[in-house]
Amino acid sequence: MGIVELVLLAIGLSMDAFAVSITIGLTMKKVTIKKCLIVGLYFGVFQAAMPLIGYLLGTTFASFITAIDHWIALILLAFIGGKMIWEALKKDDEDEQCPKEEASLGLAKMLPLAVATSIDALAIGVTFAFFEMNVVFAILSIGIITLTLSMIAVKIGNIFGTKYKAKAELAGGIILVLIGLRIFLNGIGVINF
């Protein structure tokens, strides 16, 4: 696998994290470098760690992982997205004078998102065993590209969210559910993108 293929693979793997990072930025009052870095690190570290785990597991568990990865992503993203939708609809019923709650970047929220968006990278890591390649370079590339794109996505989401605060959390929840559904439909072979 050459550099170009590796970069394209890393960008492709990071697209779910990019989309989720946009939804995180949608719900933030103010974006700082620190907040962008926290989000980027969660997604970047998990996108790098999952291929490493997959590589280490080898082909022994490949069929098991690919058989359920889409279910795990669907459940995690649908749950988190559904919760965001519920909270957004609930806020519409509340007094508009209440200050907007800041997006949580804690472990309880970020860990399931990081796992859900990186689980497909686990199966990709298994394939690394079949290529003559520098696995450490590949894993670092995936992590750094995901970190960078996720940081940018938080800012993009915040700009959009600042302009359309009233529906930002609702849109973010819907996006998460749709990402989970896309991963699931792709996993069962209904769609292929």
N, C-alpha and C. Protein backbone atom coordinates (compact mmCIF):
# COMPACT_ATOMS: atom_id res chain seq x y z
N MET A 1 0.85 -1.17 0.00
CA MET A 1 0.00 0.00 0.00
C MET A 1 0.90 1.23 0.00
N GLY A 2 0.69 2.09 -0.99
CA GLY A 2 1.51 3.29 -1.12
C GLY A 2 0.98 4.44 -0.28
N ILE A 3 1.72 5.55 -0.32
CA ILE A 3 1.36 6.74 0.46
C ILE A 3 0.00 7.29 0.03
N VAL A 4 -0.24 7.38 -1.28
CA VAL A 4 -1.51 7.93 -1.77
C VAL A 4 -2.68 7.08 -1.29
N GLU A 5 -2.55 5.76 -1.43
CA GLU A 5 -3.62 4.88 -0.98
C GLU A 5 -3.84 5.00 0.52
N LEU A 6 -2.76 5.13 1.26
CA LEU A 6 -2.85 5.25 2.72
C LEU A 6 -3.55 6.54 3.12
N VAL A 7 -3.21 7.64 2.47
CA VAL A 7 -3.86 8.93 2.78
C VAL A 7 -5.34 8.86 2.45
N LEU A 8 -5.68 8.29 1.29
CA LEU A 8 -7.09 8.14 0.92
C LEU A 8 -7.84 7.25 1.91
N LEU A 9 -7.19 6.18 2.34
CA LEU A 9 -7.79 5.30 3.34
C LEU A 9 -8.03 6.06 4.64
N ALA A 10 -7.04 6.82 5.07
CA ALA A 10 -7.16 7.59 6.32
C ALA A 10 -8.28 8.63 6.22
N ILE A 11 -8.39 9.29 5.09
CA ILE A 11 -9.46 10.27 4.91
C ILE A 11 -10.81 9.57 4.93
N GLY A 12 -10.91 8.46 4.23
CA GLY A 12 -12.16 7.71 4.23
C GLY A 12 -12.57 7.25 5.61
N LEU A 13 -11.61 6.73 6.38
CA LEU A 13 -11.91 6.27 7.74
C LEU A 13 -12.31 7.43 8.65
N SER A 14 -11.79 8.61 8.38
CA SER A 14 -12.06 9.75 9.26
C SER A 14 -13.38 10.46 8.96
N MET A 15 -14.07 10.10 7.89
CA MET A 15 -15.27 10.83 7.52
C MET A 15 -16.40 10.73 8.55
N ASP A 16 -16.56 9.58 9.17
CA ASP A 16 -17.58 9.47 10.22
C ASP A 16 -17.21 10.36 11.40
N ALA A 17 -15.95 10.34 11.80
CA ALA A 17 -15.49 11.20 12.90
C ALA A 17 -15.65 12.68 12.52
N PHE A 18 -15.40 13.00 11.26
CA PHE A 18 -15.57 14.37 10.78
C PHE A 18 -17.02 14.82 10.94
N ALA A 19 -17.95 13.97 10.50
CA ALA A 19 -19.37 14.31 10.58
C ALA A 19 -19.82 14.44 12.03
N VAL A 20 -19.38 13.54 12.89
CA VAL A 20 -19.75 13.61 14.30
C VAL A 20 -19.12 14.85 14.94
N SER A 21 -17.92 15.20 14.56
CA SER A 21 -17.27 16.40 15.10
C SER A 21 -18.04 17.66 14.71
N ILE A 22 -18.61 17.67 13.53
CA ILE A 22 -19.46 18.79 13.13
C ILE A 22 -20.65 18.90 14.08
N THR A 23 -21.26 17.77 14.40
CA THR A 23 -22.42 17.81 15.30
C THR A 23 -22.02 18.27 16.71
N ILE A 24 -20.82 17.93 17.13
CA ILE A 24 -20.34 18.40 18.44
C ILE A 24 -20.16 19.92 18.39
N GLY A 25 -19.57 20.41 17.32
CA GLY A 25 -19.40 21.85 17.16
C GLY A 25 -20.71 22.60 17.09
N LEU A 26 -21.76 21.95 16.54
CA LEU A 26 -23.08 22.56 16.46
C LEU A 26 -23.62 22.96 17.83
N THR A 27 -23.30 22.18 18.84
CA THR A 27 -23.88 22.42 20.16
C THR A 27 -23.00 23.24 21.09
N MET A 28 -21.84 23.68 20.62
CA MET A 28 -20.94 24.46 21.48
C MET A 28 -21.27 25.95 21.42
N LYS A 29 -21.22 26.57 22.59
CA LYS A 29 -21.39 28.02 22.65
C LYS A 29 -20.19 28.72 22.03
N LYS A 30 -19.00 28.27 22.47
CA LYS A 30 -17.76 28.87 22.00
C LYS A 30 -16.73 27.78 21.77
N VAL A 31 -16.07 27.83 20.64
CA VAL A 31 -15.04 26.84 20.31
C VAL A 31 -13.68 27.42 20.64
N THR A 32 -12.88 26.62 21.32
CA THR A 32 -11.50 27.00 21.61
C THR A 32 -10.59 25.94 21.01
N ILE A 33 -9.33 26.26 20.90
CA ILE A 33 -8.35 25.29 20.41
C ILE A 33 -8.35 24.06 21.31
N LYS A 34 -8.46 24.29 22.62
CA LYS A 34 -8.46 23.18 23.57
C LYS A 34 -9.62 22.23 23.32
N LYS A 35 -10.81 22.76 23.10
CA LYS A 35 -11.98 21.92 22.84
C LYS A 35 -11.82 21.16 21.52
N CYS A 36 -11.33 21.85 20.50
CA CYS A 36 -11.09 21.18 19.21
C CYS A 36 -10.07 20.06 19.38
N LEU A 37 -9.03 20.33 20.16
CA LEU A 37 -7.99 19.32 20.39
C LEU A 37 -8.53 18.11 21.15
N ILE A 38 -9.38 18.36 22.14
CA ILE A 38 -9.98 17.25 22.90
C ILE A 38 -10.77 16.34 21.96
N VAL A 39 -11.63 16.93 21.15
CA VAL A 39 -12.43 16.14 20.19
C VAL A 39 -11.51 15.43 19.22
N GLY A 40 -10.55 16.16 18.66
CA GLY A 40 -9.61 15.57 17.71
C GLY A 40 -8.82 14.42 18.31
N LEU A 41 -8.41 14.56 19.56
CA LEU A 41 -7.64 13.50 20.21
C LEU A 41 -8.49 12.25 20.44
N TYR A 42 -9.72 12.43 20.89
CA TYR A 42 -10.59 11.26 21.06
C TYR A 42 -10.69 10.48 19.75
N PHE A 43 -11.07 11.19 18.69
CA PHE A 43 -11.28 10.50 17.41
C PHE A 43 -9.97 10.03 16.79
N GLY A 44 -8.93 10.86 16.85
CA GLY A 44 -7.65 10.48 16.28
C GLY A 44 -7.01 9.28 16.96
N VAL A 45 -7.05 9.28 18.30
CA VAL A 45 -6.48 8.15 19.05
C VAL A 45 -7.24 6.86 18.75
N PHE A 46 -8.57 6.93 18.75
CA PHE A 46 -9.33 5.71 18.48
C PHE A 46 -9.19 5.24 17.04
N GLN A 47 -9.12 6.18 16.10
CA GLN A 47 -8.92 5.78 14.70
C GLN A 47 -7.55 5.16 14.50
N ALA A 48 -6.58 5.53 15.31
CA ALA A 48 -5.25 4.92 15.23
C ALA A 48 -5.21 3.61 16.01
N ALA A 49 -5.87 3.58 17.16
CA ALA A 49 -5.81 2.38 18.02
C ALA A 49 -6.57 1.20 17.42
N MET A 50 -7.69 1.45 16.80
CA MET A 50 -8.49 0.34 16.27
C MET A 50 -7.77 -0.45 15.18
N PRO A 51 -7.12 0.19 14.20
CA PRO A 51 -6.37 -0.62 13.24
C PRO A 51 -5.23 -1.40 13.89
N LEU A 52 -4.62 -0.80 14.91
CA LEU A 52 -3.56 -1.50 15.63
C LEU A 52 -4.11 -2.75 16.31
N ILE A 53 -5.25 -2.61 16.97
CA ILE A 53 -5.88 -3.76 17.61
C ILE A 53 -6.25 -4.81 16.56
N GLY A 54 -6.83 -4.34 15.45
CA GLY A 54 -7.19 -5.27 14.37
C GLY A 54 -5.98 -5.99 13.81
N TYR A 55 -4.91 -5.26 13.64
CA TYR A 55 -3.67 -5.86 13.14
C TYR A 55 -3.17 -6.92 14.10
N LEU A 56 -3.20 -6.60 15.40
CA LEU A 56 -2.71 -7.54 16.41
C LEU A 56 -3.61 -8.77 16.53
N LEU A 57 -4.89 -8.58 16.37
CA LEU A 57 -5.80 -9.73 16.43
C LEU A 57 -5.63 -10.65 15.23
N GLY A 58 -5.22 -10.04 14.12
CA GLY A 58 -5.01 -10.82 12.90
C GLY A 58 -6.32 -11.34 12.33
N THR A 59 -6.21 -12.33 11.55
CA THR A 59 -7.38 -12.85 10.84
C THR A 59 -8.23 -13.80 11.67
N THR A 60 -7.79 -14.16 12.85
CA THR A 60 -8.53 -15.10 13.68
C THR A 60 -9.96 -14.64 13.96
N PHE A 61 -10.11 -13.35 14.27
CA PHE A 61 -11.43 -12.84 14.63
C PHE A 61 -12.03 -11.93 13.55
N ALA A 62 -11.45 -11.89 12.37
CA ALA A 62 -11.91 -10.96 11.33
C ALA A 62 -13.37 -11.15 10.98
N SER A 63 -13.82 -12.37 10.81
CA SER A 63 -15.21 -12.59 10.42
C SER A 63 -16.17 -12.19 11.54
N PHE A 64 -15.78 -12.38 12.79
CA PHE A 64 -16.62 -11.97 13.91
C PHE A 64 -16.76 -10.46 13.98
N ILE A 65 -15.62 -9.76 13.82
CA ILE A 65 -15.62 -8.30 13.90
C ILE A 65 -16.48 -7.71 12.79
N THR A 66 -16.26 -8.14 11.56
CA THR A 66 -17.02 -7.57 10.45
C THR A 66 -18.49 -7.98 10.49
N ALA A 67 -18.79 -9.06 11.20
CA ALA A 67 -20.19 -9.50 11.30
C ALA A 67 -21.01 -8.61 12.22
N ILE A 68 -20.38 -7.95 13.19
CA ILE A 68 -21.16 -7.16 14.14
C ILE A 68 -20.79 -5.68 14.21
N ASP A 69 -19.77 -5.24 13.50
CA ASP A 69 -19.34 -3.85 13.65
C ASP A 69 -20.43 -2.86 13.30
N HIS A 70 -21.21 -3.15 12.28
CA HIS A 70 -22.28 -2.25 11.87
C HIS A 70 -23.41 -2.19 12.91
N TRP A 71 -23.65 -3.28 13.62
CA TRP A 71 -24.66 -3.29 14.69
C TRP A 71 -24.21 -2.40 15.84
N ILE A 72 -22.94 -2.51 16.22
CA ILE A 72 -22.41 -1.72 17.33
C ILE A 72 -22.49 -0.23 16.99
N ALA A 73 -22.07 0.13 15.79
CA ALA A 73 -22.11 1.54 15.37
C ALA A 73 -23.54 2.05 15.34
N LEU A 74 -24.48 1.26 14.82
CA LEU A 74 -25.88 1.68 14.77
C LEU A 74 -26.43 1.92 16.16
N ILE A 75 -26.21 0.99 17.06
CA ILE A 75 -26.76 1.12 18.42
C ILE A 75 -26.18 2.34 19.14
N LEU A 76 -24.86 2.50 19.10
CA LEU A 76 -24.24 3.63 19.79
C LEU A 76 -24.67 4.97 19.21
N LEU A 77 -24.61 5.10 17.88
CA LEU A 77 -24.94 6.38 17.26
C LEU A 77 -26.43 6.69 17.34
N ALA A 78 -27.28 5.68 17.20
CA ALA A 78 -28.72 5.91 17.32
C ALA A 78 -29.09 6.32 18.74
N PHE A 79 -28.46 5.71 19.72
CA PHE A 79 -28.75 6.07 21.11
C PHE A 79 -28.33 7.51 21.39
N ILE A 80 -27.09 7.85 21.03
CA ILE A 80 -26.59 9.20 21.31
C ILE A 80 -27.36 10.24 20.49
N GLY A 81 -27.59 9.94 19.21
CA GLY A 81 -28.34 10.86 18.35
C GLY A 81 -29.78 11.02 18.82
N GLY A 82 -30.40 9.91 19.22
CA GLY A 82 -31.77 9.96 19.73
C GLY A 82 -31.86 10.81 20.99
N LYS A 83 -30.86 10.68 21.84
CA LYS A 83 -30.83 11.49 23.07
C LYS A 83 -30.71 12.97 22.73
N MET A 84 -29.86 13.30 21.73
CA MET A 84 -29.72 14.69 21.31
C MET A 84 -31.03 15.23 20.74
N ILE A 85 -31.72 14.40 19.93
CA ILE A 85 -33.00 14.82 19.35
C ILE A 85 -34.01 15.06 20.47
N TRP A 86 -34.08 14.13 21.42
CA TRP A 86 -35.01 14.26 22.54
C TRP A 86 -34.74 15.55 23.32
N GLU A 87 -33.47 15.81 23.62
CA GLU A 87 -33.12 17.01 24.37
C GLU A 87 -33.41 18.27 23.58
N ALA A 88 -33.20 18.23 22.27
CA ALA A 88 -33.47 19.41 21.44
C ALA A 88 -34.97 19.69 21.40
N LEU A 89 -35.78 18.66 21.26
CA LEU A 89 -37.23 18.85 21.23
C LEU A 89 -37.75 19.29 22.60
N LYS A 90 -37.15 18.78 23.64
CA LYS A 90 -37.52 19.14 25.00
C LYS A 90 -37.18 20.61 25.27
N LYS A 91 -36.04 21.06 24.74
CA LYS A 91 -35.63 22.45 24.93
C LYS A 91 -36.57 23.42 24.23
N ASP A 92 -37.15 22.98 23.09
CA ASP A 92 -38.10 23.84 22.39
C ASP A 92 -39.31 24.14 23.28
N ASP A 93 -39.67 23.21 24.13
CA ASP A 93 -40.80 23.39 25.02
C ASP A 93 -40.46 24.24 26.24
N GLU A 94 -39.16 24.36 26.56
CA GLU A 94 -38.72 25.11 27.72
C GLU A 94 -38.64 26.59 27.40
N ASP A 95 -38.47 27.37 28.43
CA ASP A 95 -38.34 28.82 28.31
C ASP A 95 -37.11 29.18 27.49
N GLU A 96 -37.27 30.04 26.51
CA GLU A 96 -36.17 30.44 25.65
C GLU A 96 -35.12 31.26 26.41
N GLN A 97 -35.46 31.77 27.61
CA GLN A 97 -34.52 32.57 28.37
C GLN A 97 -33.43 31.73 29.04
N CYS A 98 -33.61 30.42 29.10
CA CYS A 98 -32.62 29.56 29.75
C CYS A 98 -31.34 29.56 28.93
N PRO A 99 -30.21 29.65 29.58
CA PRO A 99 -28.95 29.62 28.82
C PRO A 99 -28.73 28.26 28.18
N LYS A 100 -28.10 28.27 27.02
CA LYS A 100 -27.82 27.03 26.30
C LYS A 100 -26.77 26.21 27.04
N GLU A 101 -27.02 24.90 27.17
CA GLU A 101 -26.09 24.01 27.85
C GLU A 101 -24.90 23.74 26.92
N GLU A 102 -23.72 23.83 27.48
CA GLU A 102 -22.50 23.59 26.71
C GLU A 102 -22.37 22.10 26.37
N ALA A 103 -21.88 21.82 25.18
CA ALA A 103 -21.66 20.44 24.76
C ALA A 103 -20.66 19.77 25.69
N SER A 104 -20.97 18.56 26.10
CA SER A 104 -20.08 17.81 26.99
C SER A 104 -18.98 17.15 26.18
N LEU A 105 -17.76 17.26 26.67
CA LEU A 105 -16.63 16.58 26.05
C LEU A 105 -16.07 15.54 27.00
N GLY A 106 -16.89 15.13 27.95
CA GLY A 106 -16.47 14.15 28.94
C GLY A 106 -16.41 12.74 28.36
N LEU A 107 -15.81 11.88 29.15
CA LEU A 107 -15.61 10.48 28.75
C LEU A 107 -16.92 9.78 28.43
N ALA A 108 -17.95 10.03 29.22
CA ALA A 108 -19.24 9.34 29.02
C ALA A 108 -19.86 9.64 27.66
N LYS A 109 -19.64 10.82 27.15
CA LYS A 109 -20.18 11.15 25.82
C LYS A 109 -19.19 10.81 24.71
N MET A 110 -17.94 11.16 24.90
CA MET A 110 -16.97 11.04 23.81
C MET A 110 -16.52 9.60 23.55
N LEU A 111 -16.42 8.78 24.58
CA LEU A 111 -15.96 7.40 24.39
C LEU A 111 -16.88 6.61 23.46
N PRO A 112 -18.20 6.61 23.68
CA PRO A 112 -19.06 5.86 22.74
C PRO A 112 -18.99 6.41 21.31
N LEU A 113 -18.87 7.73 21.18
CA LEU A 113 -18.76 8.32 19.84
C LEU A 113 -17.46 7.90 19.16
N ALA A 114 -16.37 7.92 19.91
CA ALA A 114 -15.07 7.53 19.36
C ALA A 114 -15.07 6.05 18.96
N VAL A 115 -15.66 5.21 19.78
CA VAL A 115 -15.73 3.78 19.46
C VAL A 115 -16.61 3.56 18.23
N ALA A 116 -17.78 4.18 18.22
CA ALA A 116 -18.73 3.97 17.12
C ALA A 116 -18.17 4.40 15.78
N THR A 117 -17.44 5.51 15.78
CA THR A 117 -16.91 6.01 14.50
C THR A 117 -15.62 5.33 14.06
N SER A 118 -15.00 4.56 14.95
CA SER A 118 -13.73 3.94 14.59
C SER A 118 -13.78 2.42 14.50
N ILE A 119 -14.93 1.83 14.74
CA ILE A 119 -14.98 0.37 14.78
C ILE A 119 -14.69 -0.27 13.41
N ASP A 120 -15.04 0.44 12.34
CA ASP A 120 -14.72 -0.10 11.02
C ASP A 120 -13.20 -0.14 10.79
N ALA A 121 -12.48 0.73 11.47
CA ALA A 121 -11.02 0.73 11.36
C ALA A 121 -10.41 -0.53 11.97
N LEU A 122 -11.13 -1.16 12.88
CA LEU A 122 -10.67 -2.42 13.47
C LEU A 122 -10.52 -3.48 12.39
N ALA A 123 -11.53 -3.60 11.56
CA ALA A 123 -11.48 -4.58 10.47
C ALA A 123 -10.42 -4.21 9.43
N ILE A 124 -10.24 -2.91 9.19
CA ILE A 124 -9.20 -2.47 8.26
C ILE A 124 -7.83 -2.90 8.79
N GLY A 125 -7.63 -2.81 10.09
CA GLY A 125 -6.36 -3.20 10.69
C GLY A 125 -6.02 -4.66 10.44
N VAL A 126 -7.04 -5.51 10.39
CA VAL A 126 -6.81 -6.92 10.10
C VAL A 126 -6.18 -7.07 8.72
N THR A 127 -6.63 -6.25 7.77
CA THR A 127 -6.10 -6.35 6.41
C THR A 127 -4.65 -5.90 6.32
N PHE A 128 -4.20 -5.09 7.27
CA PHE A 128 -2.81 -4.64 7.26
C PHE A 128 -1.84 -5.82 7.32
N ALA A 129 -2.27 -6.90 7.93
CA ALA A 129 -1.41 -8.08 8.05
C ALA A 129 -1.10 -8.70 6.68
N PHE A 130 -1.93 -8.40 5.68
CA PHE A 130 -1.76 -9.00 4.37
C PHE A 130 -0.93 -8.15 3.42
N PHE A 131 -0.58 -6.93 3.83
CA PHE A 131 0.19 -6.03 2.99
C PHE A 131 1.60 -5.89 3.53
N GLU A 132 2.55 -5.72 2.60
CA GLU A 132 3.90 -5.36 3.02
C GLU A 132 3.91 -3.86 3.19
N MET A 133 3.88 -3.44 4.45
CA MET A 133 3.78 -2.02 4.73
C MET A 133 4.31 -1.72 6.12
N ASN A 134 4.58 -0.46 6.35
CA ASN A 134 4.99 0.01 7.66
C ASN A 134 3.73 0.29 8.46
N VAL A 135 3.35 -0.63 9.32
CA VAL A 135 2.09 -0.53 10.07
C VAL A 135 2.10 0.67 11.00
N VAL A 136 3.20 0.95 11.63
CA VAL A 136 3.28 2.08 12.55
C VAL A 136 3.03 3.39 11.80
N PHE A 137 3.64 3.54 10.63
CA PHE A 137 3.42 4.73 9.81
C PHE A 137 1.95 4.83 9.40
N ALA A 138 1.36 3.72 9.00
CA ALA A 138 -0.05 3.71 8.58
C ALA A 138 -0.96 4.14 9.72
N ILE A 139 -0.72 3.59 10.89
CA ILE A 139 -1.57 3.89 12.05
C ILE A 139 -1.41 5.35 12.48
N LEU A 140 -0.18 5.84 12.49
CA LEU A 140 0.05 7.24 12.84
C LEU A 140 -0.59 8.18 11.82
N SER A 141 -0.51 7.82 10.54
CA SER A 141 -1.13 8.64 9.49
C SER A 141 -2.63 8.72 9.68
N ILE A 142 -3.25 7.59 9.94
CA ILE A 142 -4.70 7.55 10.16
C ILE A 142 -5.07 8.42 11.36
N GLY A 143 -4.33 8.28 12.45
CA GLY A 143 -4.62 9.07 13.65
C GLY A 143 -4.45 10.56 13.45
N ILE A 144 -3.37 10.95 12.81
CA ILE A 144 -3.09 12.39 12.61
C ILE A 144 -4.09 13.01 11.65
N ILE A 145 -4.42 12.32 10.57
CA ILE A 145 -5.40 12.86 9.62
C ILE A 145 -6.77 12.98 10.28
N THR A 146 -7.17 11.99 11.05
CA THR A 146 -8.46 12.04 11.74
C THR A 146 -8.47 13.17 12.78
N LEU A 147 -7.41 13.30 13.54
CA LEU A 147 -7.31 14.37 14.53
C LEU A 147 -7.48 15.73 13.87
N THR A 148 -6.75 15.95 12.79
CA THR A 148 -6.78 17.23 12.09
C THR A 148 -8.16 17.53 11.52
N LEU A 149 -8.74 16.56 10.82
CA LEU A 149 -10.06 16.78 10.21
C LEU A 149 -11.14 16.96 11.27
N SER A 150 -11.04 16.26 12.39
CA SER A 150 -12.02 16.40 13.46
C SER A 150 -11.96 17.79 14.10
N MET A 151 -10.74 18.30 14.28
CA MET A 151 -10.58 19.65 14.85
C MET A 151 -11.21 20.69 13.92
N ILE A 152 -10.97 20.55 12.64
CA ILE A 152 -11.55 21.49 11.66
C ILE A 152 -13.08 21.38 11.67
N ALA A 153 -13.58 20.16 11.77
CA ALA A 153 -15.02 19.93 11.73
C ALA A 153 -15.75 20.55 12.93
N VAL A 154 -15.11 20.55 14.09
CA VAL A 154 -15.74 21.18 15.27
C VAL A 154 -15.98 22.66 14.99
N LYS A 155 -14.98 23.32 14.41
CA LYS A 155 -15.11 24.75 14.09
C LYS A 155 -16.19 24.97 13.03
N ILE A 156 -16.22 24.13 12.01
CA ILE A 156 -17.25 24.25 10.97
C ILE A 156 -18.63 24.10 11.59
N GLY A 157 -18.80 23.10 12.44
CA GLY A 157 -20.09 22.88 13.09
C GLY A 157 -20.48 24.04 13.97
N ASN A 158 -19.51 24.63 14.67
CA ASN A 158 -19.82 25.75 15.55
C ASN A 158 -20.26 26.97 14.77
N ILE A 159 -19.62 27.23 13.65
CA ILE A 159 -20.02 28.37 12.82
C ILE A 159 -21.46 28.19 12.36
N PHE A 160 -21.79 26.99 11.91
CA PHE A 160 -23.15 26.70 11.48
C PHE A 160 -24.10 26.77 12.68
N GLY A 161 -23.69 26.22 13.81
CA GLY A 161 -24.52 26.19 15.01
C GLY A 161 -24.79 27.56 15.57
N THR A 162 -23.81 28.46 15.50
CA THR A 162 -23.99 29.81 15.99
C THR A 162 -25.05 30.54 15.17
N LYS A 163 -25.06 30.27 13.90
CA LYS A 163 -26.01 30.93 13.01
C LYS A 163 -27.42 30.38 13.19
N TYR A 164 -27.54 29.09 13.49
CA TYR A 164 -28.83 28.43 13.60
C TYR A 164 -28.96 27.71 14.94
N LYS A 165 -28.76 28.43 16.05
CA LYS A 165 -28.72 27.81 17.37
C LYS A 165 -29.97 26.99 17.69
N ALA A 166 -31.13 27.47 17.31
CA ALA A 166 -32.38 26.84 17.73
C ALA A 166 -32.49 25.39 17.28
N LYS A 167 -31.98 25.07 16.12
CA LYS A 167 -32.12 23.71 15.58
C LYS A 167 -30.80 22.95 15.50
N ALA A 168 -29.74 23.50 16.04
CA ALA A 168 -28.42 22.87 15.91
C ALA A 168 -28.36 21.49 16.56
N GLU A 169 -28.86 21.38 17.78
CA GLU A 169 -28.80 20.09 18.47
C GLU A 169 -29.69 19.06 17.80
N LEU A 170 -30.85 19.49 17.32
CA LEU A 170 -31.75 18.58 16.59
C LEU A 170 -31.06 18.07 15.33
N ALA A 171 -30.44 18.98 14.58
CA ALA A 171 -29.74 18.57 13.36
C ALA A 171 -28.59 17.62 13.70
N GLY A 172 -27.86 17.91 14.76
CA GLY A 172 -26.76 17.05 15.17
C GLY A 172 -27.23 15.65 15.51
N GLY A 173 -28.34 15.54 16.24
CA GLY A 173 -28.89 14.23 16.58
C GLY A 173 -29.33 13.46 15.36
N ILE A 174 -29.98 14.14 14.44
CA ILE A 174 -30.44 13.48 13.21
C ILE A 174 -29.23 12.99 12.40
N ILE A 175 -28.19 13.80 12.34
CA ILE A 175 -26.98 13.41 11.61
C ILE A 175 -26.37 12.15 12.22
N LEU A 176 -26.28 12.10 13.55
CA LEU A 176 -25.71 10.91 14.20
C LEU A 176 -26.52 9.66 13.90
N VAL A 177 -27.84 9.78 13.97
CA VAL A 177 -28.70 8.63 13.66
C VAL A 177 -28.50 8.20 12.21
N LEU A 178 -28.43 9.15 11.31
CA LEU A 178 -28.24 8.83 9.89
C LEU A 178 -26.88 8.19 9.62
N ILE A 179 -25.84 8.65 10.31
CA ILE A 179 -24.52 8.02 10.16
C ILE A 179 -24.59 6.57 10.63
N GLY A 180 -25.21 6.36 11.78
CA GLY A 180 -25.37 4.99 12.29
C GLY A 180 -26.14 4.12 11.32
N LEU A 181 -27.20 4.67 10.75
CA LEU A 181 -28.01 3.92 9.78
C LEU A 181 -27.21 3.61 8.52
N ARG A 182 -26.41 4.58 8.05
CA ARG A 182 -25.58 4.36 6.86
C ARG A 182 -24.56 3.25 7.10
N ILE A 183 -23.91 3.30 8.26
CA ILE A 183 -22.93 2.27 8.59
C ILE A 183 -23.61 0.90 8.64
N PHE A 184 -24.79 0.85 9.25
CA PHE A 184 -25.52 -0.41 9.36
C PHE A 184 -25.93 -0.94 7.98
N LEU A 185 -26.54 -0.08 7.16
CA LEU A 185 -26.97 -0.50 5.82
C LEU A 185 -25.79 -0.92 4.95
N ASN A 186 -24.68 -0.25 5.10
CA ASN A 186 -23.46 -0.63 4.40
C ASN A 186 -22.97 -2.00 4.89
N GLY A 187 -23.05 -2.20 6.20
CA GLY A 187 -22.60 -3.45 6.81
C GLY A 187 -23.42 -4.65 6.39
N ILE A 188 -24.72 -4.45 6.17
CA ILE A 188 -25.56 -5.59 5.74
C ILE A 188 -25.68 -5.69 4.23
N GLY A 189 -25.00 -4.79 3.51
CA GLY A 189 -24.92 -4.89 2.06
C GLY A 189 -26.05 -4.24 1.29
N VAL A 190 -26.88 -3.43 1.95
CA VAL A 190 -27.98 -2.74 1.26
C VAL A 190 -27.45 -1.61 0.40
N ILE A 191 -26.47 -0.88 0.92
CA ILE A 191 -25.82 0.19 0.18
C ILE A 191 -24.32 -0.04 0.21
N ASN A 192 -23.60 0.69 -0.63
CA ASN A 192 -22.15 0.49 -0.69
C ASN A 192 -21.43 1.85 -0.82
N PHE A 193 -21.54 2.66 0.25
CA PHE A 193 -20.78 3.93 0.30
C PHE A 193 -20.57 4.33 1.73
